[in-house]
Amino acid sequence: MPSPLVDLQFIDARARVLDVAAFLDRVQRHGQDSDFRVLALKAALAELSSPDPGRARRVLEHLSDPSTDPIPAATTQGATGAPPPL
């Protein structure tokens, strides 16, 4: 029996997964697989197949800066979307 939740949200989730897959194909074609943001995204994607609840929190943790100390001065303008390597 179809689920109302799946009926309402499956197509949107499917499109997002396809967008990410296409992005990763483009990144690979351009030789940018080792960019720290791509590596963080791939690590976050592994959480999607986990059977444990809390996937959204764990994905966000992969893509968030865990530091709590303020930096003395900004070196760039804007966020990068994933924590840079230490």
Protein backbone atom coordinates (compact mmCIF):
# COMPACT_ATOMS: atom_id res chain seq x y z
CA MET A 1 0.00 0.00 0.00
CA PRO A 2 1.44 3.41 -0.94
CA SER A 3 2.47 5.74 1.84
CA PRO A 4 1.18 9.34 1.79
CA LEU A 5 4.62 10.58 2.87
CA VAL A 6 6.36 8.72 0.07
CA ASP A 7 3.66 9.80 -2.40
CA LEU A 8 4.23 13.44 -1.47
CA GLN A 9 8.01 13.57 -1.27
CA PHE A 10 9.59 10.77 -3.31
CA ILE A 11 9.83 12.61 -6.64
CA ASP A 12 11.49 15.62 -4.98
CA ALA A 13 14.00 13.41 -3.13
CA ARG A 14 14.70 11.48 -6.34
CA ALA A 15 15.45 14.71 -8.20
CA ARG A 16 17.83 15.87 -5.47
CA VAL A 17 19.73 12.57 -5.54
CA LEU A 18 20.05 12.83 -9.32
CA ASP A 19 21.32 16.42 -8.97
CA VAL A 20 24.02 15.30 -6.55
CA ALA A 21 25.01 12.39 -8.81
CA ALA A 22 25.30 14.72 -11.81
CA PHE A 23 27.34 17.20 -9.75
CA LEU A 24 29.77 14.45 -8.71
CA ASP A 25 30.11 13.32 -12.34
CA ARG A 26 30.99 16.91 -13.37
CA VAL A 27 33.47 17.26 -10.51
CA GLN A 28 35.16 14.02 -11.54
CA ARG A 29 35.35 15.04 -15.21
CA HIS A 30 37.05 18.28 -14.17
CA GLY A 31 39.55 16.51 -11.90
CA GLN A 32 38.34 18.16 -8.72
CA ASP A 33 37.58 14.97 -6.75
CA SER A 34 40.04 15.87 -3.99
CA ASP A 35 38.49 19.26 -3.12
CA PHE A 36 37.78 19.25 0.63
CA ARG A 37 34.15 20.17 0.01
CA VAL A 38 33.63 17.23 -2.33
CA LEU A 39 35.29 14.89 0.16
CA ALA A 40 33.03 16.19 2.94
CA LEU A 41 29.97 15.76 0.71
CA LYS A 42 30.92 12.18 -0.13
CA ALA A 43 31.42 11.39 3.56
CA ALA A 44 28.02 12.91 4.30
CA LEU A 45 26.38 10.89 1.53
CA ALA A 46 27.51 7.66 3.18
CA GLU A 47 25.17 8.52 6.05
CA LEU A 48 22.16 8.26 3.74
CA SER A 49 22.37 4.48 3.61
CA SER A 50 22.63 4.11 7.39
CA PRO A 51 19.69 2.27 8.98
CA ASP A 52 20.04 4.39 12.13
CA PRO A 53 17.84 7.43 12.76
CA GLY A 54 19.55 10.83 12.91
CA ARG A 55 20.86 10.86 9.35
CA ALA A 56 20.12 14.57 8.86
CA ARG A 57 22.09 15.49 11.99
CA ARG A 58 25.08 13.37 10.95
CA VAL A 59 25.03 14.77 7.40
CA LEU A 60 24.99 18.30 8.80
CA GLU A 61 27.90 17.47 11.10
CA HIS A 62 29.97 16.33 8.09
CA LEU A 63 29.27 19.67 6.41
CA SER A 64 29.66 21.97 9.43
CA ASP A 65 32.69 23.57 11.07
CA PRO A 66 33.01 22.03 14.55
CA SER A 67 35.23 24.81 15.91
CA THR A 68 33.89 27.05 18.64
CA ASP A 69 36.71 29.60 18.88
CA PRO A 70 36.34 32.75 16.77
CA ILE A 71 39.00 33.44 14.18
CA PRO A 72 40.99 36.69 14.53
CA ALA A 73 39.99 37.91 11.07
CA ALA A 74 38.13 36.60 8.05
CA THR A 75 40.38 35.61 5.16
CA THR A 76 37.54 35.16 2.68
CA GLN A 77 34.06 36.49 2.18
CA GLY A 78 31.25 33.97 2.52
CA ALA A 79 30.96 30.39 3.64
CA THR A 80 32.51 27.40 1.88
CA GLY A 81 29.79 24.90 2.81
CA ALA A 82 32.13 22.44 4.52
CA PRO A 83 34.93 22.78 7.06
CA PRO A 84 38.34 23.28 5.45
CA PRO A 85 41.07 20.79 6.31
CA LEU A 86 43.12 21.60 9.39
